[in-house]
Protein backbone atom coordinates (compact mmCIF):
# COMPACT_ATOMS: atom_id res chain seq x y z
CA MET A 1 -30.78 -41.18 71.35
CA ILE A 2 -30.76 -37.81 69.02
CA HIS A 3 -31.05 -38.02 65.45
CA VAL A 4 -29.88 -35.75 62.91
CA LYS A 5 -31.39 -35.38 59.59
CA LYS A 6 -30.64 -32.07 56.98
CA TRP A 7 -28.87 -33.43 53.28
CA HIS A 8 -28.00 -36.93 53.91
CA GLU A 9 -28.99 -38.62 56.50
CA MET A 10 -26.71 -39.51 59.63
CA ASN A 11 -27.43 -41.32 62.95
CA ILE A 12 -25.51 -39.84 65.96
CA ASN A 13 -25.34 -41.67 69.13
CA PHE A 14 -23.89 -39.46 71.52
CA PRO A 15 -23.02 -40.39 75.15
CA SER A 16 -25.99 -39.43 77.98
CA VAL A 17 -24.01 -37.04 79.33
CA ASP A 18 -23.70 -35.01 75.92
CA GLU A 19 -27.66 -35.89 74.62
CA ARG A 20 -28.72 -34.15 78.07
CA TYR A 21 -26.15 -31.27 77.14
CA ILE A 22 -27.74 -31.18 73.61
CA LYS A 23 -31.01 -31.55 74.89
CA GLY A 24 -30.54 -29.23 78.11
CA LYS A 25 -29.59 -26.10 74.92
CA VAL A 26 -32.95 -26.93 73.18
CA GLU A 27 -34.71 -26.83 76.27
CA ASP A 28 -32.77 -23.24 77.47
CA GLY A 29 -34.06 -21.48 74.07
CA PHE A 30 -30.27 -21.49 72.54
CA TYR A 31 -31.47 -23.13 69.90
CA SER A 32 -34.24 -24.51 68.45
CA ASN A 33 -33.28 -28.03 68.18
CA ALA A 34 -30.84 -30.12 68.36
CA THR A 35 -29.49 -30.39 64.54
CA GLU A 36 -28.33 -26.47 65.01
CA VAL A 37 -26.95 -28.21 68.23
CA VAL A 38 -24.44 -30.28 66.30
CA ARG A 39 -24.42 -27.97 63.59
CA ASP A 40 -22.80 -25.11 65.56
CA ALA A 41 -20.44 -26.85 67.06
CA VAL A 42 -19.06 -28.37 64.24
CA ARG A 43 -19.09 -24.91 62.47
CA ARG A 44 -17.49 -24.01 65.28
CA MET A 45 -14.72 -27.07 65.33
CA ARG A 46 -13.92 -26.06 61.36
CA GLU A 47 -13.08 -22.89 62.14
CA ARG A 48 -10.67 -23.29 65.58
CA ASP A 49 -9.67 -25.90 62.92
CA GLU A 50 -8.80 -23.78 59.99
CA SER A 51 -7.84 -20.71 61.66
CA PRO A 52 -4.23 -19.11 61.39
CA HIS A 53 -3.88 -19.66 64.31
CA ALA A 54 -4.35 -23.68 63.84
CA ARG A 55 -2.56 -23.83 60.88
CA LEU A 56 0.48 -22.09 62.28
CA MET A 57 0.52 -24.69 65.24
CA ALA A 58 0.31 -27.88 63.03
CA ALA A 59 3.58 -26.37 61.12
CA LEU A 60 4.96 -25.79 64.53
CA GLU A 61 4.06 -29.33 65.29
CA ALA A 62 5.79 -30.79 62.14
CA GLY A 63 8.89 -29.24 62.82
CA GLU A 64 9.10 -29.80 66.20
CA GLN A 65 8.74 -33.93 64.91
CA ALA A 66 11.81 -33.44 62.19
CA ILE A 67 13.52 -31.98 64.74
CA ARG A 68 13.12 -35.77 67.00
CA GLU A 69 13.33 -36.96 64.64
CA GLY A 70 16.72 -35.72 63.22
CA ARG A 71 15.30 -34.29 60.04
CA THR A 72 16.65 -30.95 59.89
CA ALA A 73 19.06 -28.94 57.42
CA PRO A 74 21.79 -25.91 58.35
CA TYR A 75 19.47 -22.26 58.19
CA THR A 76 22.55 -20.92 55.60
CA PRO A 77 22.12 -18.58 52.84
CA ASP A 78 22.59 -21.45 49.90
CA PHE A 79 19.28 -23.83 52.10
CA LEU A 80 17.45 -20.29 51.71
CA ASP A 81 18.68 -20.23 47.56
CA GLU A 82 17.66 -23.66 47.24
CA CYS A 83 14.25 -23.56 48.69
CA GLU A 84 13.38 -20.50 46.60
CA LYS A 85 14.58 -22.22 43.61
CA ARG A 86 12.11 -25.30 44.28
CA ALA A 87 9.05 -23.22 44.57
CA ARG A 88 9.68 -21.69 41.70
CA GLN A 89 10.43 -24.45 39.84
CA ASN A 90 6.97 -26.12 41.58
CA LEU A 91 5.20 -22.82 40.11
CA ALA A 92 6.04 -23.27 36.73
CA GLU A 93 5.05 -27.01 36.56
CA GLY A 94 2.02 -25.60 37.84
CA LYS A 95 1.98 -27.26 41.29
CA GLU A 96 -0.22 -25.74 44.18
CA LEU A 97 1.92 -23.78 46.85
CA ASN A 98 2.27 -24.21 50.26
CA PRO A 99 0.88 -21.18 51.88
CA ASP A 100 3.14 -20.92 54.08
CA VAL A 101 6.14 -20.98 51.59
CA LEU A 102 6.31 -18.93 48.96
CA PRO A 103 8.68 -17.58 46.28
């Protein structure tokens, strides 16, 4: 088992194939210890999840899910006006706005 400790103690159990991979990265000199390997992997995963591409893909998936579930509305000028009205109202009420939908 590889023990990872930084701010709070955390024990992580990896399957043997992953443990060998992590130890190999350290032995090859890519990282100085297992903590660095795991920290780099988590940072890369976080960056991927937080990227604009990831947000776009999540929005597309949510839209496709809404279509599959029949939750759709006709895309008309009235619909757009209503969306803008709701966004402005939420802004006036101090509600946090979705950065993808701004008035």
